[in-house]
Amino acid sequence: MANLCKHPRVRIVSRHEDTEYVECLECGEVFDSEEFRDMEIEETAETEDVVNDE
């Protein structure tokens, strides 16, 4: 199974109306910036759950 990229470095590649699209400079995946923010929130929540479980 391939390792999942956490997209540590991104750049804006396009803007369309109210949406920005970003590209991960590590893996090349392109997604909208709202999706990127959601990934960061989920990762933070998972980290907090691990700390709270200990």
PDB file of N, CA and C in Angstrom:
ATOM      1  N   MET A   1       0.849  -1.179   0.000  1.00  0.00           N
ATOM      2  CA  MET A   1       0.000   0.000   0.000  1.00  0.00           C
ATOM      3  C   MET A   1       0.897   1.247   0.000  1.00  0.00           C
ATOM      4  N   ALA A   2       0.584   2.201  -0.808  1.00  0.00           N
ATOM      5  CA  ALA A   2       1.394   3.410  -0.929  1.00  0.00           C
ATOM      6  C   ALA A   2       1.193   4.310   0.290  1.00  0.00           C
ATOM      7  N   ASN A   3       2.249   5.043   0.638  1.00  0.00           N
ATOM      8  CA  ASN A   3       2.140   6.005   1.730  1.00  0.00           C
ATOM      9  C   ASN A   3       1.268   7.177   1.289  1.00  0.00           C
ATOM     10  N   LEU A   4       0.451   7.680   2.200  1.00  0.00           N
ATOM     11  CA  LEU A   4      -0.390   8.818   1.892  1.00  0.00           C
ATOM     12  C   LEU A   4       0.396  10.102   2.077  1.00  0.00           C
ATOM     13  N   CYS A   5       0.334  10.969   1.096  1.00  0.00           N
ATOM     14  CA  CYS A   5       1.014  12.255   1.174  1.00  0.00           C
ATOM     15  C   CYS A   5       0.173  13.186   2.046  1.00  0.00           C
ATOM     16  N   LYS A   6       0.827  13.877   2.970  1.00  0.00           N
ATOM     17  CA  LYS A   6       0.121  14.827   3.828  1.00  0.00           C
ATOM     18  C   LYS A   6       0.147  16.237   3.249  1.00  0.00           C
ATOM     19  N   HIS A   7       0.628  16.370   2.021  1.00  0.00           N
ATOM     20  CA  HIS A   7       0.656  17.630   1.284  1.00  0.00           C
ATOM     21  C   HIS A   7       1.282  18.752   2.114  1.00  0.00           C
ATOM     22  N   PRO A   8       2.568  18.598   2.486  1.00  0.00           N
ATOM     23  CA  PRO A   8       3.206  19.607   3.328  1.00  0.00           C
ATOM     24  C   PRO A   8       3.477  20.935   2.618  1.00  0.00           C
ATOM     25  N   ARG A   9       3.585  20.893   1.286  1.00  0.00           N
ATOM     26  CA  ARG A   9       3.848  22.120   0.518  1.00  0.00           C
ATOM     27  C   ARG A   9       2.889  22.166  -0.659  1.00  0.00           C
ATOM     28  N   VAL A  10       2.117  23.245  -0.747  1.00  0.00           N
ATOM     29  CA  VAL A  10       1.178  23.404  -1.858  1.00  0.00           C
ATOM     30  C   VAL A  10       1.354  24.781  -2.479  1.00  0.00           C
ATOM     31  N   ARG A  11       0.887  24.891  -3.725  1.00  0.00           N
ATOM     32  CA  ARG A  11       0.875  26.191  -4.396  1.00  0.00           C
ATOM     33  C   ARG A  11      -0.455  26.354  -5.103  1.00  0.00           C
ATOM     34  N   ILE A  12      -0.912  27.583  -5.204  1.00  0.00           N
ATOM     35  CA  ILE A  12      -2.164  27.873  -5.906  1.00  0.00           C
ATOM     36  C   ILE A  12      -1.909  27.761  -7.397  1.00  0.00           C
ATOM     37  N   VAL A  13      -2.755  26.991  -8.084  1.00  0.00           N
ATOM     38  CA  VAL A  13      -2.578  26.830  -9.525  1.00  0.00           C
ATOM     39  C   VAL A  13      -3.706  27.463 -10.329  1.00  0.00           C
ATOM     40  N   SER A  14      -4.862  27.719  -9.670  1.00  0.00           N
ATOM     41  CA  SER A  14      -5.979  28.294 -10.406  1.00  0.00           C
ATOM     42  C   SER A  14      -6.981  28.898  -9.430  1.00  0.00           C
ATOM     43  N   ARG A  15      -7.666  29.911  -9.899  1.00  0.00           N
ATOM     44  CA  ARG A  15      -8.786  30.490  -9.153  1.00  0.00           C
ATOM     45  C   ARG A  15      -9.965  30.561 -10.102  1.00  0.00           C
ATOM     46  N   HIS A  16     -11.128  30.100  -9.621  1.00  0.00           N
ATOM     47  CA  HIS A  16     -12.343  30.151 -10.427  1.00  0.00           C
ATOM     48  C   HIS A  16     -13.476  30.593  -9.515  1.00  0.00           C
ATOM     49  N   GLU A  17     -14.008  31.773  -9.770  1.00  0.00           N
ATOM     50  CA  GLU A  17     -15.023  32.394  -8.926  1.00  0.00           C
ATOM     51  C   GLU A  17     -14.526  32.429  -7.477  1.00  0.00           C
ATOM     52  N   ASP A  18     -15.185  31.741  -6.554  1.00  0.00           N
ATOM     53  CA  ASP A  18     -14.800  31.779  -5.139  1.00  0.00           C
ATOM     54  C   ASP A  18     -13.942  30.592  -4.726  1.00  0.00           C
ATOM     55  N   THR A  19     -13.423  29.825  -5.676  1.00  0.00           N
ATOM     56  CA  THR A  19     -12.670  28.621  -5.349  1.00  0.00           C
ATOM     57  C   THR A  19     -11.225  28.735  -5.825  1.00  0.00           C
ATOM     58  N   GLU A  20     -10.297  28.356  -4.944  1.00  0.00           N
ATOM     59  CA  GLU A  20      -8.889  28.275  -5.308  1.00  0.00           C
ATOM     60  C   GLU A  20      -8.522  26.807  -5.427  1.00  0.00           C
ATOM     61  N   TYR A  21      -7.734  26.485  -6.433  1.00  0.00           N
ATOM     62  CA  TYR A  21      -7.236  25.128  -6.596  1.00  0.00           C
ATOM     63  C   TYR A  21      -5.745  25.124  -6.303  1.00  0.00           C
ATOM     64  N   VAL A  22      -5.319  24.170  -5.500  1.00  0.00           N
ATOM     65  CA  VAL A  22      -3.915  24.077  -5.122  1.00  0.00           C
ATOM     66  C   VAL A  22      -3.338  22.752  -5.592  1.00  0.00           C
ATOM     67  N   GLU A  23      -2.021  22.757  -5.806  1.00  0.00           N
ATOM     68  CA  GLU A  23      -1.301  21.551  -6.213  1.00  0.00           C
ATOM     69  C   GLU A  23      -0.270  21.236  -5.138  1.00  0.00           C
ATOM     70  N   CYS A  24      -0.202  19.979  -4.728  1.00  0.00           N
ATOM     71  CA  CYS A  24       0.822  19.549  -3.797  1.00  0.00           C
ATOM     72  C   CYS A  24       2.147  19.477  -4.542  1.00  0.00           C
ATOM     73  N   LEU A  25       3.171  20.127  -3.987  1.00  0.00           N
ATOM     74  CA  LEU A  25       4.480  20.117  -4.632  1.00  0.00           C
ATOM     75  C   LEU A  25       5.224  18.804  -4.414  1.00  0.00           C
ATOM     76  N   GLU A  26       4.717  17.951  -3.533  1.00  0.00           N
ATOM     77  CA  GLU A  26       5.345  16.657  -3.262  1.00  0.00           C
ATOM     78  C   GLU A  26       4.795  15.562  -4.180  1.00  0.00           C
ATOM     79  N   CYS A  27       3.452  15.441  -4.261  1.00  0.00           N
ATOM     80  CA  CYS A  27       2.878  14.325  -5.019  1.00  0.00           C
ATOM     81  C   CYS A  27       2.188  14.755  -6.315  1.00  0.00           C
ATOM     82  N   GLY A  28       1.932  16.066  -6.486  1.00  0.00           N
ATOM     83  CA  GLY A  28       1.325  16.553  -7.713  1.00  0.00           C
ATOM     84  C   GLY A  28      -0.192  16.550  -7.722  1.00  0.00           C
ATOM     85  N   GLU A  29      -0.833  16.099  -6.641  1.00  0.00           N
ATOM     86  CA  GLU A  29      -2.293  16.074  -6.587  1.00  0.00           C
ATOM     87  C   GLU A  29      -2.834  17.500  -6.590  1.00  0.00           C
ATOM     88  N   VAL A  30      -3.932  17.721  -7.326  1.00  0.00           N
ATOM     89  CA  VAL A  30      -4.583  19.021  -7.386  1.00  0.00           C
ATOM     90  C   VAL A  30      -5.952  18.893  -6.739  1.00  0.00           C
ATOM     91  N   PHE A  31      -6.295  19.841  -5.874  1.00  0.00           N
ATOM     92  CA  PHE A  31      -7.583  19.816  -5.185  1.00  0.00           C
ATOM     93  C   PHE A  31      -7.940  21.232  -4.783  1.00  0.00           C
ATOM     94  N   ASP A  32      -9.211  21.445  -4.395  1.00  0.00           N
ATOM     95  CA  ASP A  32      -9.582  22.807  -4.015  1.00  0.00           C
ATOM     96  C   ASP A  32      -9.099  23.094  -2.599  1.00  0.00           C
ATOM     97  N   SER A  33      -8.857  24.368  -2.316  1.00  0.00           N
ATOM     98  CA  SER A  33      -8.246  24.755  -1.049  1.00  0.00           C
ATOM     99  C   SER A  33      -9.142  24.433   0.142  1.00  0.00           C
ATOM    100  N   GLU A  34     -10.452  24.426  -0.037  1.00  0.00           N
ATOM    101  CA  GLU A  34     -11.354  24.046   1.060  1.00  0.00           C
ATOM    102  C   GLU A  34     -11.115  22.592   1.454  1.00  0.00           C
ATOM    103  N   GLU A  35     -10.902  21.734   0.472  1.00  0.00           N
ATOM    104  CA  GLU A  35     -10.606  20.328   0.743  1.00  0.00           C
ATOM    105  C   GLU A  35      -9.296  20.207   1.526  1.00  0.00           C
ATOM    106  N   PHE A  36      -8.313  21.032   1.175  1.00  0.00           N
ATOM    107  CA  PHE A  36      -7.034  21.034   1.873  1.00  0.00           C
ATOM    108  C   PHE A  36      -7.228  21.446   3.333  1.00  0.00           C
ATOM    109  N   ARG A  37      -8.026  22.470   3.583  1.00  0.00           N
ATOM    110  CA  ARG A  37      -8.299  22.902   4.952  1.00  0.00           C
ATOM    111  C   ARG A  37      -8.987  21.794   5.737  1.00  0.00           C
ATOM    112  N   ASP A  38      -9.928  21.100   5.095  1.00  0.00           N
ATOM    113  CA  ASP A  38     -10.624  19.991   5.762  1.00  0.00           C
ATOM    114  C   ASP A  38      -9.635  18.891   6.150  1.00  0.00           C
ATOM    115  N   MET A  39      -8.661  18.600   5.282  1.00  0.00           N
ATOM    116  CA  MET A  39      -7.657  17.580   5.590  1.00  0.00           C
ATOM    117  C   MET A  39      -6.842  17.994   6.809  1.00  0.00           C
ATOM    118  N   GLU A  40      -6.474  19.277   6.895  1.00  0.00           N
ATOM    119  CA  GLU A  40      -5.704  19.763   8.043  1.00  0.00           C
ATOM    120  C   GLU A  40      -6.508  19.636   9.329  1.00  0.00           C
ATOM    121  N   ILE A  41      -7.798  19.953   9.273  1.00  0.00           N
ATOM    122  CA  ILE A  41      -8.661  19.858  10.457  1.00  0.00           C
ATOM    123  C   ILE A  41      -8.780  18.411  10.905  1.00  0.00           C
ATOM    124  N   GLU A  42      -8.989  17.492   9.957  1.00  0.00           N
ATOM    125  CA  GLU A  42      -9.101  16.070  10.297  1.00  0.00           C
ATOM    126  C   GLU A  42      -7.808  15.563  10.923  1.00  0.00           C
ATOM    127  N   GLU A  43      -6.662  15.955  10.381  1.00  0.00           N
ATOM    128  CA  GLU A  43      -5.374  15.508  10.905  1.00  0.00           C
ATOM    129  C   GLU A  43      -5.178  16.026  12.326  1.00  0.00           C
ATOM    130  N   THR A  44      -5.543  17.266  12.582  1.00  0.00           N
ATOM    131  CA  THR A  44      -5.416  17.846  13.916  1.00  0.00           C
ATOM    132  C   THR A  44      -6.323  17.109  14.897  1.00  0.00           C
ATOM    133  N   ALA A  45      -7.537  16.792  14.480  1.00  0.00           N
ATOM    134  CA  ALA A  45      -8.467  16.078  15.342  1.00  0.00           C
ATOM    135  C   ALA A  45      -7.943  14.687  15.663  1.00  0.00           C
ATOM    136  N   GLU A  46      -7.363  13.993  14.697  1.00  0.00           N
ATOM    137  CA  GLU A  46      -6.810  12.659  14.931  1.00  0.00           C
ATOM    138  C   GLU A  46      -5.653  12.728  15.919  1.00  0.00           C
ATOM    139  N   THR A  47      -4.806  13.737  15.798  1.00  0.00           N
ATOM    140  CA  THR A  47      -3.670  13.906  16.710  1.00  0.00           C
ATOM    141  C   THR A  47      -4.172  14.168  18.126  1.00  0.00           C
ATOM    142  N   GLU A  48      -5.185  14.997  18.271  1.00  0.00           N
ATOM    143  CA  GLU A  48      -5.750  15.289  19.584  1.00  0.00           C
ATOM    144  C   GLU A  48      -6.359  14.043  20.201  1.00  0.00           C
ATOM    145  N   ASP A  49      -7.025  13.206  19.387  1.00  0.00           N
ATOM    146  CA  ASP A  49      -7.613  11.959  19.894  1.00  0.00           C
ATOM    147  C   ASP A  49      -6.543  11.040  20.446  1.00  0.00           C
ATOM    148  N   VAL A  50      -5.412  10.939  19.772  1.00  0.00           N
ATOM    149  CA  VAL A  50      -4.315  10.070  20.222  1.00  0.00           C
ATOM    150  C   VAL A  50      -3.772  10.590  21.550  1.00  0.00           C
ATOM    151  N   VAL A  51      -3.576  11.876  21.660  1.00  0.00           N
ATOM    152  CA  VAL A  51      -3.055  12.467  22.888  1.00  0.00           C
ATOM    153  C   VAL A  51      -4.042  12.256  24.036  1.00  0.00           C
ATOM    154  N   ASN A  52      -5.317  12.418  23.792  1.00  0.00           N
ATOM    155  CA  ASN A  52      -6.335  12.254  24.821  1.00  0.00           C
ATOM    156  C   ASN A  52      -6.492  10.808  25.260  1.00  0.00           C
ATOM    157  N   ASP A  53      -6.199   9.862  24.382  1.00  0.00           N
ATOM    158  CA  ASP A  53      -6.333   8.436  24.707  1.00  0.00           C
ATOM    159  C   ASP A  53      -5.202   7.942  25.602  1.00  0.00           C
ATOM    160  N   GLU A  54      -4.090   8.647  25.613  1.00  0.00           N
ATOM    161  CA  GLU A  54      -2.922   8.190  26.378  1.00  0.00           C
ATOM    162  C   GLU A  54      -3.066   8.444  27.830  1.00  0.00           C
TER     163      GLU A  54
END
